[in-house]
């Protein structure tokens, strides 16, 4: 029977190489929620511009966002791309927070139900997919919900720890089964995965710069 992967080994190497990432960039739980929606299909620098616009308009809270006309909100978040779609998604999320009675204090959502039920409720919100829901749970609500993204598939597929075509749930379950269930660990691990994916393990990888290259079959094959 094959040995289970050591999921902590890549984390230790990445943490030693990059250091703490201090994620998620956001001053409040609601700002983190907004960022989780806006970062879909765009670079974080564009999200920062959109959030800065919301701050200048004094609209970075659920109550204010719900009062905005969709076109007005879309214009404020234009830098994030797909602004009409994302404006609708943001207002659906804000309506959900209002329905839960936490529009003014979104962090109180974590007390409304156990984590699996909160995740189910978030996934029922129009435009909130698994990665966005888990980002909200982990980074805005400080709950242990491991985030899987395209970088996770690429990096751990190249490492040979996953095939890469598994479902989101299957990949998430593999990490959860092999890691201590700790918010700080999940937080830092995902942030480090993003850092590696952005800087080194790109579609055209820079294997010579990668802190995981000695244990990576893909890196070894490029050197043979």
N, C-alpha and C. Protein backbone atom coordinates (compact mmCIF):
# COMPACT_ATOMS: atom_id res chain seq x y z
N UNK A 1 0.85 -1.19 0.00
CA UNK A 1 0.00 0.00 0.00
C UNK A 1 0.89 1.25 0.00
N UNK A 2 0.68 2.21 -0.95
CA UNK A 2 1.54 3.39 -1.03
C UNK A 2 1.39 4.28 0.20
N UNK A 3 2.48 4.93 0.55
CA UNK A 3 2.45 5.84 1.69
C UNK A 3 1.65 7.08 1.35
N UNK A 4 0.95 7.60 2.34
CA UNK A 4 0.20 8.85 2.14
C UNK A 4 1.20 9.99 1.97
N UNK A 5 0.88 10.97 1.13
CA UNK A 5 1.79 12.11 0.95
C UNK A 5 2.02 12.87 2.25
N UNK A 6 3.21 13.41 2.39
CA UNK A 6 3.53 14.27 3.53
C UNK A 6 3.19 15.71 3.12
N UNK A 7 1.97 16.14 3.43
CA UNK A 7 1.50 17.45 2.99
C UNK A 7 2.20 18.59 3.73
N UNK A 8 2.81 18.31 4.86
CA UNK A 8 3.51 19.36 5.61
C UNK A 8 4.89 19.66 5.03
N UNK A 9 5.46 18.71 4.34
CA UNK A 9 6.82 18.90 3.82
C UNK A 9 6.92 20.08 2.84
N UNK A 10 6.03 20.17 1.84
CA UNK A 10 6.08 21.34 0.97
C UNK A 10 5.84 22.64 1.73
N UNK A 11 4.93 22.59 2.70
CA UNK A 11 4.65 23.80 3.49
C UNK A 11 5.92 24.29 4.19
N UNK A 12 6.62 23.38 4.84
CA UNK A 12 7.82 23.77 5.58
C UNK A 12 8.86 24.40 4.65
N UNK A 13 9.04 23.80 3.48
CA UNK A 13 10.02 24.32 2.52
C UNK A 13 9.61 25.70 2.01
N UNK A 14 8.33 25.86 1.70
CA UNK A 14 7.84 27.14 1.21
C UNK A 14 7.95 28.22 2.29
N UNK A 15 7.60 27.85 3.52
CA UNK A 15 7.65 28.82 4.62
C UNK A 15 9.09 29.24 4.90
N UNK A 16 10.00 28.29 4.84
CA UNK A 16 11.41 28.61 5.06
C UNK A 16 11.95 29.53 3.96
N UNK A 17 11.44 29.33 2.74
CA UNK A 17 11.94 30.10 1.59
C UNK A 17 11.32 31.50 1.53
N UNK A 18 10.00 31.58 1.69
CA UNK A 18 9.30 32.85 1.49
C UNK A 18 9.00 33.61 2.78
N UNK A 19 8.92 32.87 3.91
CA UNK A 19 8.55 33.51 5.16
C UNK A 19 7.05 33.75 5.26
N UNK A 20 6.57 34.30 6.38
CA UNK A 20 5.14 34.55 6.57
C UNK A 20 4.60 35.51 5.51
N UNK A 21 3.39 35.25 5.05
CA UNK A 21 2.79 36.05 3.98
C UNK A 21 1.81 37.11 4.46
N UNK A 22 1.37 37.01 5.72
CA UNK A 22 0.47 38.01 6.32
C UNK A 22 -0.80 38.19 5.48
N UNK A 23 -1.45 37.09 5.17
CA UNK A 23 -2.69 37.12 4.39
C UNK A 23 -3.90 37.09 5.32
N UNK A 24 -5.09 37.52 4.91
CA UNK A 24 -5.44 38.11 3.62
C UNK A 24 -5.31 39.62 3.71
N UNK A 25 -4.87 40.32 2.65
CA UNK A 25 -4.82 41.78 2.69
C UNK A 25 -6.21 42.38 2.79
N UNK A 26 -6.56 42.95 3.92
CA UNK A 26 -7.87 43.54 4.13
C UNK A 26 -7.97 44.06 5.54
N UNK A 27 -8.59 45.21 5.71
CA UNK A 27 -8.66 45.84 7.03
C UNK A 27 -9.81 45.32 7.87
N UNK A 28 -10.84 44.78 7.24
CA UNK A 28 -12.01 44.29 7.97
C UNK A 28 -12.48 42.97 7.36
N UNK A 29 -13.27 42.18 8.10
CA UNK A 29 -13.81 40.95 7.52
C UNK A 29 -14.62 41.22 6.25
N UNK A 30 -15.37 42.33 6.22
CA UNK A 30 -16.17 42.61 5.03
C UNK A 30 -15.27 42.94 3.84
N UNK A 31 -14.20 43.67 4.07
CA UNK A 31 -13.27 43.96 2.98
C UNK A 31 -12.67 42.67 2.42
N UNK A 32 -12.40 41.71 3.28
CA UNK A 32 -11.88 40.42 2.82
C UNK A 32 -12.94 39.71 1.97
N UNK A 33 -14.20 39.77 2.40
CA UNK A 33 -15.27 39.14 1.62
C UNK A 33 -15.38 39.78 0.24
N UNK A 34 -15.34 41.09 0.20
CA UNK A 34 -15.40 41.79 -1.08
C UNK A 34 -14.22 41.39 -1.96
N UNK A 35 -13.03 41.33 -1.37
CA UNK A 35 -11.85 40.94 -2.12
C UNK A 35 -11.96 39.53 -2.68
N UNK A 36 -12.59 38.63 -1.92
CA UNK A 36 -12.74 37.25 -2.37
C UNK A 36 -13.63 37.16 -3.61
N UNK A 37 -14.60 38.04 -3.70
CA UNK A 37 -15.47 38.08 -4.88
C UNK A 37 -14.76 38.77 -6.05
N UNK A 38 -14.13 39.89 -5.78
CA UNK A 38 -13.52 40.68 -6.85
C UNK A 38 -12.29 40.04 -7.47
N UNK A 39 -11.58 39.20 -6.71
CA UNK A 39 -10.33 38.64 -7.22
C UNK A 39 -10.54 37.53 -8.24
N UNK A 40 -11.79 37.13 -8.46
CA UNK A 40 -12.07 36.10 -9.46
C UNK A 40 -11.65 36.61 -10.85
N UNK A 41 -10.76 35.87 -11.50
CA UNK A 41 -10.34 36.16 -12.87
C UNK A 41 -9.65 37.52 -13.04
N UNK A 42 -8.94 37.95 -12.03
CA UNK A 42 -8.17 39.19 -12.17
C UNK A 42 -7.01 39.21 -11.21
N UNK A 43 -6.08 40.12 -11.42
CA UNK A 43 -4.92 40.26 -10.54
C UNK A 43 -5.31 41.07 -9.30
N UNK A 44 -4.61 40.80 -8.20
CA UNK A 44 -4.94 41.47 -6.95
C UNK A 44 -4.73 42.98 -7.04
N UNK A 45 -3.79 43.44 -7.84
CA UNK A 45 -3.57 44.89 -7.98
C UNK A 45 -4.83 45.58 -8.51
N UNK A 46 -5.59 44.90 -9.36
CA UNK A 46 -6.84 45.47 -9.86
C UNK A 46 -7.91 45.49 -8.78
N UNK A 47 -7.91 44.46 -7.94
CA UNK A 47 -8.85 44.42 -6.82
C UNK A 47 -8.59 45.58 -5.86
N UNK A 48 -7.32 45.85 -5.59
CA UNK A 48 -6.97 46.96 -4.69
C UNK A 48 -7.51 48.28 -5.21
N UNK A 49 -7.44 48.49 -6.51
CA UNK A 49 -7.96 49.73 -7.10
C UNK A 49 -9.48 49.82 -6.91
N UNK A 50 -10.17 48.70 -7.11
CA UNK A 50 -11.62 48.68 -6.95
C UNK A 50 -12.01 48.93 -5.50
N UNK A 51 -11.30 48.31 -4.57
CA UNK A 51 -11.60 48.51 -3.15
C UNK A 51 -11.31 49.95 -2.73
N UNK A 52 -10.24 50.54 -3.28
CA UNK A 52 -9.94 51.95 -2.99
C UNK A 52 -11.09 52.84 -3.46
N UNK A 53 -11.67 52.53 -4.61
CA UNK A 53 -12.82 53.30 -5.10
C UNK A 53 -14.01 53.18 -4.14
N UNK A 54 -14.25 51.98 -3.64
CA UNK A 54 -15.36 51.78 -2.70
C UNK A 54 -15.12 52.56 -1.41
N UNK A 55 -13.88 52.58 -0.97
CA UNK A 55 -13.57 53.33 0.25
C UNK A 55 -13.79 54.83 0.06
N UNK A 56 -13.34 55.34 -1.09
CA UNK A 56 -13.53 56.77 -1.35
C UNK A 56 -15.00 57.14 -1.43
N UNK A 57 -15.82 56.20 -1.91
CA UNK A 57 -17.26 56.44 -2.02
C UNK A 57 -18.00 56.13 -0.72
N UNK A 58 -17.24 55.77 0.33
CA UNK A 58 -17.83 55.38 1.62
C UNK A 58 -18.85 54.26 1.43
N UNK A 59 -18.50 53.31 0.60
CA UNK A 59 -19.43 52.23 0.26
C UNK A 59 -18.89 50.86 0.60
N UNK A 60 -17.86 50.80 1.45
CA UNK A 60 -17.27 49.50 1.75
C UNK A 60 -17.93 48.89 2.99
N UNK A 61 -19.25 48.73 2.91
CA UNK A 61 -20.00 47.99 3.92
C UNK A 61 -21.25 47.45 3.24
N UNK A 62 -21.81 46.41 3.79
CA UNK A 62 -22.91 45.71 3.12
C UNK A 62 -24.13 46.60 2.94
N UNK A 63 -24.46 47.40 3.95
CA UNK A 63 -25.63 48.27 3.86
C UNK A 63 -25.49 49.28 2.73
N UNK A 64 -24.32 49.91 2.64
CA UNK A 64 -24.08 50.90 1.60
C UNK A 64 -24.10 50.28 0.21
N UNK A 65 -23.51 49.08 0.07
CA UNK A 65 -23.47 48.44 -1.24
C UNK A 65 -24.86 48.07 -1.73
N UNK A 66 -25.73 47.68 -0.82
CA UNK A 66 -27.09 47.33 -1.21
C UNK A 66 -27.89 48.54 -1.67
N UNK A 67 -27.51 49.72 -1.21
CA UNK A 67 -28.23 50.94 -1.58
C UNK A 67 -27.80 51.49 -2.94
N UNK A 68 -26.65 51.04 -3.41
CA UNK A 68 -26.15 51.53 -4.69
C UNK A 68 -26.93 50.93 -5.86
N UNK A 69 -27.13 51.72 -6.90
CA UNK A 69 -27.67 51.17 -8.14
C UNK A 69 -26.62 50.23 -8.72
N UNK A 70 -27.05 49.13 -9.34
CA UNK A 70 -26.07 48.19 -9.90
C UNK A 70 -25.05 48.85 -10.83
N UNK A 71 -25.51 49.79 -11.65
CA UNK A 71 -24.59 50.46 -12.58
C UNK A 71 -23.58 51.32 -11.82
N UNK A 72 -24.01 51.92 -10.73
CA UNK A 72 -23.11 52.75 -9.93
C UNK A 72 -22.04 51.88 -9.26
N UNK A 73 -22.46 50.76 -8.71
CA UNK A 73 -21.51 49.84 -8.09
C UNK A 73 -20.55 49.28 -9.14
N UNK A 74 -21.08 48.93 -10.29
CA UNK A 74 -20.24 48.39 -11.36
C UNK A 74 -19.15 49.37 -11.76
N UNK A 75 -19.49 50.66 -11.81
CA UNK A 75 -18.50 51.66 -12.18
C UNK A 75 -17.41 51.77 -11.11
N UNK A 76 -17.78 51.67 -9.85
CA UNK A 76 -16.80 51.75 -8.77
C UNK A 76 -15.81 50.60 -8.81
N UNK A 77 -16.29 49.42 -9.18
CA UNK A 77 -15.41 48.24 -9.18
C UNK A 77 -14.86 47.93 -10.57
N UNK A 78 -15.01 48.85 -11.52
CA UNK A 78 -14.57 48.64 -12.90
C UNK A 78 -13.14 48.10 -13.00
N UNK A 79 -12.17 48.59 -12.18
CA UNK A 79 -10.80 48.10 -12.32
C UNK A 79 -10.65 46.59 -12.14
N UNK A 80 -11.59 45.95 -11.43
CA UNK A 80 -11.49 44.51 -11.15
C UNK A 80 -11.93 43.65 -12.33
N UNK A 81 -12.46 44.27 -13.39
CA UNK A 81 -12.89 43.50 -14.55
C UNK A 81 -14.21 42.77 -14.32
N UNK A 82 -14.88 42.40 -15.39
CA UNK A 82 -16.19 41.74 -15.30
C UNK A 82 -17.08 42.47 -14.30
N UNK A 83 -17.04 43.79 -14.36
CA UNK A 83 -17.61 44.61 -13.29
C UNK A 83 -19.12 44.50 -13.16
N UNK A 84 -19.83 44.31 -14.27
CA UNK A 84 -21.28 44.16 -14.18
C UNK A 84 -21.65 42.85 -13.48
N UNK A 85 -20.95 41.78 -13.83
CA UNK A 85 -21.18 40.48 -13.20
C UNK A 85 -20.81 40.54 -11.72
N UNK A 86 -19.66 41.11 -11.42
CA UNK A 86 -19.19 41.15 -10.03
C UNK A 86 -20.04 42.07 -9.16
N UNK A 87 -20.61 43.12 -9.76
CA UNK A 87 -21.50 44.00 -9.00
C UNK A 87 -22.72 43.21 -8.53
N UNK A 88 -23.27 42.38 -9.41
CA UNK A 88 -24.42 41.56 -9.04
C UNK A 88 -24.04 40.56 -7.95
N UNK A 89 -22.86 39.95 -8.10
CA UNK A 89 -22.42 38.98 -7.10
C UNK A 89 -22.22 39.63 -5.74
N UNK A 90 -21.63 40.81 -5.73
CA UNK A 90 -21.42 41.51 -4.46
C UNK A 90 -22.76 41.83 -3.79
N UNK A 91 -23.73 42.27 -4.58
CA UNK A 91 -25.01 42.62 -3.98
C UNK A 91 -25.77 41.39 -3.53
N UNK A 92 -25.60 40.28 -4.22
CA UNK A 92 -26.20 39.02 -3.74
C UNK A 92 -25.56 38.61 -2.40
N UNK A 93 -24.24 38.77 -2.28
CA UNK A 93 -23.57 38.43 -1.03
C UNK A 93 -24.04 39.35 0.09
N UNK A 94 -24.16 40.64 -0.21
CA UNK A 94 -24.62 41.59 0.81
C UNK A 94 -26.06 41.29 1.23
N UNK A 95 -26.89 40.90 0.27
CA UNK A 95 -28.28 40.54 0.60
C UNK A 95 -28.29 39.31 1.52
N UNK A 96 -27.41 38.37 1.25
CA UNK A 96 -27.30 37.19 2.10
C UNK A 96 -26.90 37.59 3.52
N UNK A 97 -25.92 38.48 3.65
CA UNK A 97 -25.50 38.94 4.98
C UNK A 97 -26.66 39.62 5.70
N UNK A 98 -27.43 40.40 4.96
CA UNK A 98 -28.59 41.06 5.57
C UNK A 98 -29.63 40.04 6.02
N UNK A 99 -29.86 39.02 5.20
CA UNK A 99 -30.82 37.97 5.56
C UNK A 99 -30.38 37.22 6.81
N UNK A 100 -29.07 37.09 6.99
CA UNK A 100 -28.53 36.41 8.17
C UNK A 100 -28.48 37.32 9.39
N UNK A 101 -28.83 38.60 9.19
CA UNK A 101 -28.84 39.56 10.29
C UNK A 101 -27.46 40.06 10.69
N UNK A 102 -26.49 40.01 9.76
CA UNK A 102 -25.11 40.39 10.10
C UNK A 102 -24.56 41.43 9.12
N UNK A 103 -25.44 42.19 8.48
CA UNK A 103 -24.98 43.16 7.48
C UNK A 103 -24.01 44.17 8.08
N UNK A 104 -24.27 44.60 9.31
CA UNK A 104 -23.41 45.60 9.95
C UNK A 104 -22.17 44.99 10.60
N UNK A 105 -22.24 43.72 10.94
CA UNK A 105 -21.11 43.02 11.55
C UNK A 105 -20.95 41.65 10.90
N UNK A 106 -20.43 41.62 9.68
CA UNK A 106 -20.34 40.35 8.93
C UNK A 106 -19.56 39.25 9.64
N UNK A 107 -18.63 39.63 10.52
CA UNK A 107 -17.85 38.61 11.23
C UNK A 107 -18.73 37.75 12.13
N UNK A 108 -19.92 38.25 12.48
CA UNK A 108 -20.82 37.48 13.33
C UNK A 108 -21.47 36.32 12.59
N UNK A 109 -21.24 36.25 11.28
CA UNK A 109 -21.77 35.12 10.51
C UNK A 109 -21.23 33.80 11.04
N UNK A 110 -20.00 33.81 11.55
CA UNK A 110 -19.39 32.56 12.01
C UNK A 110 -20.15 31.93 13.17
N UNK A 111 -20.95 32.71 13.88
CA UNK A 111 -21.72 32.17 14.99
C UNK A 111 -23.11 31.69 14.61
N UNK A 112 -23.44 31.81 13.33
CA UNK A 112 -24.80 31.48 12.89
C UNK A 112 -25.04 29.99 12.68
N UNK A 113 -23.97 29.23 12.45
CA UNK A 113 -24.12 27.79 12.18
C UNK A 113 -22.75 27.14 12.21
N UNK A 114 -22.69 25.81 12.32
CA UNK A 114 -21.40 25.12 12.19
C UNK A 114 -20.79 25.35 10.81
N UNK A 115 -19.49 25.15 10.69
CA UNK A 115 -18.78 25.44 9.45
C UNK A 115 -19.42 24.76 8.22
N UNK A 116 -19.71 23.45 8.24
CA UNK A 116 -20.29 22.83 7.04
C UNK A 116 -21.58 23.50 6.59
N UNK A 117 -22.42 23.91 7.54
CA UNK A 117 -23.68 24.56 7.20
C UNK A 117 -23.44 25.97 6.67
N UNK A 118 -22.49 26.69 7.26
CA UNK A 118 -22.15 28.02 6.75
C UNK A 118 -21.65 27.92 5.31
N UNK A 119 -20.81 26.93 5.05
CA UNK A 119 -20.30 26.74 3.70
C UNK A 119 -21.43 26.44 2.72
N UNK A 120 -22.36 25.61 3.14
CA UNK A 120 -23.51 25.29 2.28
C UNK A 120 -24.32 26.56 1.98
N UNK A 121 -24.53 27.38 2.99
CA UNK A 121 -25.29 28.62 2.79
C UNK A 121 -24.56 29.57 1.85
N UNK A 122 -23.25 29.69 2.01
CA UNK A 122 -22.48 30.57 1.13
C UNK A 122 -22.53 30.08 -0.31
N UNK A 123 -22.43 28.78 -0.51
CA UNK A 123 -22.46 28.22 -1.85
C UNK A 123 -23.83 28.40 -2.52
N UNK A 124 -24.85 28.64 -1.72
CA UNK A 124 -26.19 28.87 -2.27
C UNK A 124 -26.36 30.32 -2.74
N UNK A 125 -25.40 31.18 -2.41
CA UNK A 125 -25.46 32.58 -2.84
C UNK A 125 -25.02 32.65 -4.30
N UNK A 126 -25.79 33.33 -5.11
CA UNK A 126 -25.48 33.43 -6.54
C UNK A 126 -24.08 34.02 -6.75
N UNK A 127 -23.25 33.31 -7.51
CA UNK A 127 -21.92 33.81 -7.83
C UNK A 127 -20.83 33.42 -6.86
N UNK A 128 -21.18 32.73 -5.78
CA UNK A 128 -20.17 32.29 -4.81
C UNK A 128 -19.86 30.82 -5.06
N UNK A 129 -18.65 30.56 -5.58
CA UNK A 129 -18.21 29.20 -5.82
C UNK A 129 -17.42 28.67 -4.64
N UNK A 130 -16.87 27.48 -4.81
CA UNK A 130 -16.18 26.83 -3.69
C UNK A 130 -14.95 27.61 -3.22
N UNK A 131 -14.14 28.06 -4.17
CA UNK A 131 -12.93 28.79 -3.78
C UNK A 131 -13.28 30.09 -3.05
N UNK A 132 -14.29 30.81 -3.55
CA UNK A 132 -14.71 32.05 -2.90
C UNK A 132 -15.29 31.78 -1.52
N UNK A 133 -16.13 30.75 -1.41
CA UNK A 133 -16.73 30.41 -0.12
C UNK A 133 -15.66 30.06 0.91
N UNK A 134 -14.70 29.24 0.50
CA UNK A 134 -13.65 28.84 1.44
C UNK A 134 -12.74 30.01 1.80
N UNK A 135 -12.51 30.93 0.86
CA UNK A 135 -11.72 32.12 1.17
C UNK A 135 -12.41 32.98 2.20
N UNK A 136 -13.73 33.11 2.07
CA UNK A 136 -14.51 33.88 3.05
C UNK A 136 -14.46 33.21 4.42
N UNK A 137 -14.67 31.90 4.43
CA UNK A 137 -14.68 31.17 5.70
C UNK A 137 -13.32 31.26 6.40
N UNK A 138 -12.26 31.08 5.63
CA UNK A 138 -10.92 31.04 6.22
C UNK A 138 -10.41 32.43 6.57
N UNK A 139 -10.45 33.35 5.62
CA UNK A 139 -9.78 34.63 5.80
C UNK A 139 -10.65 35.72 6.43
N UNK A 140 -11.97 35.65 6.22
CA UNK A 140 -12.84 36.65 6.83
C UNK A 140 -13.40 36.19 8.17
N UNK A 141 -13.66 34.87 8.29
CA UNK A 141 -14.32 34.35 9.50
C UNK A 141 -13.40 33.51 10.38
N UNK A 142 -12.14 33.32 9.94
CA UNK A 142 -11.17 32.56 10.73
C UNK A 142 -11.66 31.16 11.08
N UNK A 143 -12.20 30.48 10.08
CA UNK A 143 -12.65 29.10 10.25
C UNK A 143 -11.77 28.19 9.38
N UNK A 144 -11.51 26.96 9.84
CA UNK A 144 -10.59 26.06 9.13
C UNK A 144 -11.20 25.43 7.89
N UNK A 145 -11.21 26.18 6.79
CA UNK A 145 -11.73 25.69 5.52
C UNK A 145 -10.63 25.88 4.47
N UNK A 146 -10.01 24.78 4.05
CA UNK A 146 -8.84 24.87 3.17
C UNK A 146 -9.24 25.32 1.78
N UNK A 147 -8.51 26.29 1.25
CA UNK A 147 -8.81 26.87 -0.06
C UNK A 147 -8.00 26.17 -1.15
N UNK A 148 -8.68 25.78 -2.20
CA UNK A 148 -8.04 25.16 -3.37
C UNK A 148 -8.21 26.10 -4.56
N UNK A 149 -7.13 26.32 -5.31
CA UNK A 149 -7.24 27.16 -6.50
C UNK A 149 -6.43 26.55 -7.65
N UNK A 150 -6.33 27.29 -8.75
CA UNK A 150 -5.61 26.78 -9.92
C UNK A 150 -4.14 26.55 -9.61
N UNK A 151 -3.55 27.39 -8.75
CA UNK A 151 -2.15 27.20 -8.36
C UNK A 151 -1.98 25.87 -7.63
N UNK A 152 -2.93 25.53 -6.78
CA UNK A 152 -2.86 24.27 -6.03
C UNK A 152 -2.82 23.09 -6.99
N UNK A 153 -3.70 23.10 -7.98
CA UNK A 153 -3.74 22.01 -8.96
C UNK A 153 -2.42 21.92 -9.73
N UNK A 154 -1.92 23.07 -10.17
CA UNK A 154 -0.71 23.07 -10.98
C UNK A 154 0.50 22.60 -10.17
N UNK A 155 0.70 23.18 -9.00
CA UNK A 155 1.89 22.88 -8.19
C UNK A 155 1.90 21.43 -7.73
N UNK A 156 0.79 20.99 -7.15
CA UNK A 156 0.77 19.65 -6.56
C UNK A 156 0.59 18.56 -7.62
N UNK A 157 0.09 18.95 -8.80
CA UNK A 157 0.10 18.03 -9.93
C UNK A 157 1.53 17.80 -10.40
N UNK A 158 2.32 18.88 -10.50
CA UNK A 158 3.71 18.74 -10.90
C UNK A 158 4.53 17.99 -9.86
N UNK A 159 4.17 18.14 -8.59
CA UNK A 159 4.86 17.41 -7.53
C UNK A 159 4.48 15.93 -7.52
N UNK A 160 3.43 15.58 -8.23
CA UNK A 160 2.98 14.20 -8.29
C UNK A 160 2.13 13.78 -7.10
N UNK A 161 1.68 14.76 -6.30
CA UNK A 161 0.87 14.45 -5.13
C UNK A 161 -0.61 14.35 -5.45
N UNK A 162 -1.01 14.95 -6.58
CA UNK A 162 -2.37 14.79 -7.09
C UNK A 162 -2.27 14.60 -8.60
N UNK A 163 -3.34 14.13 -9.20
CA UNK A 163 -3.35 14.00 -10.66
C UNK A 163 -3.59 15.35 -11.32
N UNK A 164 -4.36 16.19 -10.62
CA UNK A 164 -4.64 17.53 -11.14
C UNK A 164 -6.02 17.68 -11.71
N UNK A 165 -6.67 16.54 -12.00
CA UNK A 165 -8.01 16.62 -12.58
C UNK A 165 -9.09 16.17 -11.59
N UNK A 166 -8.71 16.05 -10.34
CA UNK A 166 -9.69 15.68 -9.31
C UNK A 166 -10.70 16.82 -9.11
N UNK A 167 -11.79 16.51 -8.47
CA UNK A 167 -12.75 17.55 -8.13
C UNK A 167 -12.17 18.45 -7.03
N UNK A 168 -12.73 19.62 -6.90
CA UNK A 168 -12.33 20.54 -5.83
C UNK A 168 -12.39 19.82 -4.48
N UNK A 169 -13.51 19.15 -4.24
CA UNK A 169 -13.70 18.48 -2.95
C UNK A 169 -12.64 17.42 -2.70
N UNK A 170 -12.28 16.67 -3.73
CA UNK A 170 -11.28 15.61 -3.56
C UNK A 170 -9.92 16.18 -3.18
N UNK A 171 -9.53 17.27 -3.82
CA UNK A 171 -8.24 17.88 -3.49
C UNK A 171 -8.28 18.47 -2.10
N UNK A 172 -9.33 19.16 -1.79
CA UNK A 172 -9.48 19.74 -0.46
C UNK A 172 -9.44 18.66 0.62
N UNK A 173 -10.15 17.56 0.38
CA UNK A 173 -10.20 16.47 1.36
C UNK A 173 -8.82 15.86 1.57
N UNK A 174 -8.02 15.78 0.52
CA UNK A 174 -6.67 15.22 0.65
C UNK A 174 -5.81 16.08 1.56
N UNK A 175 -5.87 17.39 1.38
CA UNK A 175 -5.11 18.30 2.24
C UNK A 175 -5.61 18.23 3.68
N UNK A 176 -6.92 18.26 3.85
CA UNK A 176 -7.49 18.26 5.19
C UNK A 176 -7.13 16.98 5.94
N UNK A 177 -7.13 15.85 5.22
CA UNK A 177 -6.79 14.57 5.86
C UNK A 177 -5.34 14.51 6.28
N UNK A 178 -4.48 15.26 5.59
CA UNK A 178 -3.05 15.17 5.87
C UNK A 178 -2.46 16.31 6.67
N UNK A 179 -3.31 17.24 7.12
CA UNK A 179 -2.83 18.41 7.85
C UNK A 179 -3.56 18.57 9.18
N UNK A 180 -2.89 19.14 10.18
CA UNK A 180 -3.62 19.53 11.39
C UNK A 180 -4.71 20.54 11.03
N UNK A 181 -5.84 20.44 11.67
CA UNK A 181 -6.96 21.33 11.34
C UNK A 181 -6.78 22.66 12.08
N UNK A 182 -5.90 23.49 11.53
CA UNK A 182 -5.54 24.76 12.18
C UNK A 182 -5.74 25.92 11.21
N UNK A 183 -6.46 26.94 11.66
CA UNK A 183 -6.73 28.10 10.82
C UNK A 183 -5.44 28.75 10.35
N UNK A 184 -4.49 28.95 11.26
CA UNK A 184 -3.24 29.63 10.91
C UNK A 184 -2.47 28.86 9.85
N UNK A 185 -2.46 27.53 9.95
CA UNK A 185 -1.76 26.70 8.98
C UNK A 185 -2.44 26.78 7.61
N UNK A 186 -3.76 26.63 7.57
CA UNK A 186 -4.50 26.72 6.31
C UNK A 186 -4.27 28.08 5.66
N UNK A 187 -4.31 29.12 6.49
CA UNK A 187 -4.12 30.49 6.02
C UNK A 187 -2.77 30.64 5.34
N UNK A 188 -1.72 30.26 6.06
CA UNK A 188 -0.36 30.44 5.56
C UNK A 188 -0.07 29.53 4.37
N UNK A 189 -0.58 28.31 4.40
CA UNK A 189 -0.30 27.35 3.33
C UNK A 189 -0.85 27.87 2.00
N UNK A 190 -2.11 28.29 2.01
CA UNK A 190 -2.69 28.78 0.77
C UNK A 190 -1.95 30.01 0.26
N UNK A 191 -1.60 30.91 1.17
CA UNK A 191 -0.87 32.12 0.77
C UNK A 191 0.47 31.76 0.14
N UNK A 192 1.15 30.79 0.69
CA UNK A 192 2.44 30.36 0.14
C UNK A 192 2.28 29.68 -1.22
N UNK A 193 1.21 28.92 -1.38
CA UNK A 193 0.92 28.30 -2.68
C UNK A 193 0.73 29.38 -3.75
N UNK A 194 -0.02 30.42 -3.40
CA UNK A 194 -0.24 31.52 -4.34
C UNK A 194 1.08 32.21 -4.68
N UNK A 195 1.91 32.44 -3.68
CA UNK A 195 3.20 33.08 -3.91
C UNK A 195 4.06 32.25 -4.87
N UNK A 196 4.12 30.94 -4.64
CA UNK A 196 4.91 30.07 -5.51
C UNK A 196 4.33 30.05 -6.92
N UNK A 197 3.01 29.97 -7.02
CA UNK A 197 2.37 29.90 -8.32
C UNK A 197 2.56 31.17 -9.14
N UNK A 198 2.54 32.32 -8.47
CA UNK A 198 2.71 33.59 -9.16
C UNK A 198 4.16 33.85 -9.56
N UNK A 199 5.09 33.49 -8.69
CA UNK A 199 6.48 33.88 -8.91
C UNK A 199 7.31 32.84 -9.66
N UNK A 200 7.00 31.56 -9.47
CA UNK A 200 7.90 30.51 -9.94
C UNK A 200 7.21 29.39 -10.71
N UNK A 201 6.21 28.77 -10.10
CA UNK A 201 5.55 27.62 -10.73
C UNK A 201 4.46 28.10 -11.68
N UNK A 202 4.89 28.80 -12.71
CA UNK A 202 4.00 29.38 -13.70
C UNK A 202 3.65 28.35 -14.77
N UNK A 203 2.76 28.70 -15.70
CA UNK A 203 2.52 27.77 -16.81
C UNK A 203 3.82 27.36 -17.49
N UNK A 204 4.75 28.31 -17.64
CA UNK A 204 6.12 27.98 -18.05
C UNK A 204 7.00 28.13 -16.81
N UNK A 205 7.24 27.05 -16.08
CA UNK A 205 7.85 27.14 -14.75
C UNK A 205 9.30 27.57 -14.76
N UNK A 206 9.68 28.24 -13.68
CA UNK A 206 11.08 28.62 -13.45
C UNK A 206 11.65 27.65 -12.42
N UNK A 207 11.84 26.42 -12.84
CA UNK A 207 12.19 25.36 -11.91
C UNK A 207 13.50 25.62 -11.16
N UNK A 208 14.44 26.30 -11.79
CA UNK A 208 15.71 26.56 -11.13
C UNK A 208 15.59 27.43 -9.91
N UNK A 209 14.48 28.20 -9.80
CA UNK A 209 14.27 29.10 -8.68
C UNK A 209 13.35 28.52 -7.62
N UNK A 210 12.84 27.31 -7.85
CA UNK A 210 11.78 26.77 -7.01
C UNK A 210 12.33 26.09 -5.76
N UNK A 211 11.82 26.43 -4.58
CA UNK A 211 12.27 25.78 -3.34
C UNK A 211 11.84 24.32 -3.23
N UNK A 212 10.94 23.87 -4.11
CA UNK A 212 10.47 22.49 -4.07
C UNK A 212 11.09 21.63 -5.17
N UNK A 213 12.04 22.17 -5.92
CA UNK A 213 12.54 21.48 -7.12
C UNK A 213 13.16 20.12 -6.83
N UNK A 214 13.79 19.94 -5.66
CA UNK A 214 14.45 18.66 -5.38
C UNK A 214 13.46 17.52 -5.20
N UNK A 215 12.22 17.84 -4.88
CA UNK A 215 11.20 16.82 -4.69
C UNK A 215 10.14 16.84 -5.78
N UNK A 216 10.44 17.53 -6.88
CA UNK A 216 9.44 17.71 -7.93
C UNK A 216 9.82 16.93 -9.17
N UNK A 217 9.04 15.90 -9.55
CA UNK A 217 9.32 15.14 -10.76
C UNK A 217 9.35 16.00 -12.02
N UNK A 218 8.45 17.00 -12.07
CA UNK A 218 8.42 17.87 -13.24
C UNK A 218 9.71 18.65 -13.38
N UNK A 219 10.25 19.14 -12.26
CA UNK A 219 11.50 19.88 -12.30
C UNK A 219 12.65 18.97 -12.68
N UNK A 220 12.64 17.76 -12.16
CA UNK A 220 13.72 16.81 -12.47
C UNK A 220 13.71 16.45 -13.96
N UNK A 221 12.51 16.36 -14.55
CA UNK A 221 12.44 15.99 -15.96
C UNK A 221 12.97 17.08 -16.86
N UNK A 222 12.87 18.35 -16.42
CA UNK A 222 13.40 19.44 -17.23
C UNK A 222 14.92 19.49 -17.20
N UNK A 223 15.51 18.86 -16.18
CA UNK A 223 16.95 18.88 -16.03
C UNK A 223 17.62 17.65 -16.61
N UNK A 224 16.79 16.65 -16.99
CA UNK A 224 17.38 15.39 -17.49
C UNK A 224 17.64 15.46 -18.98
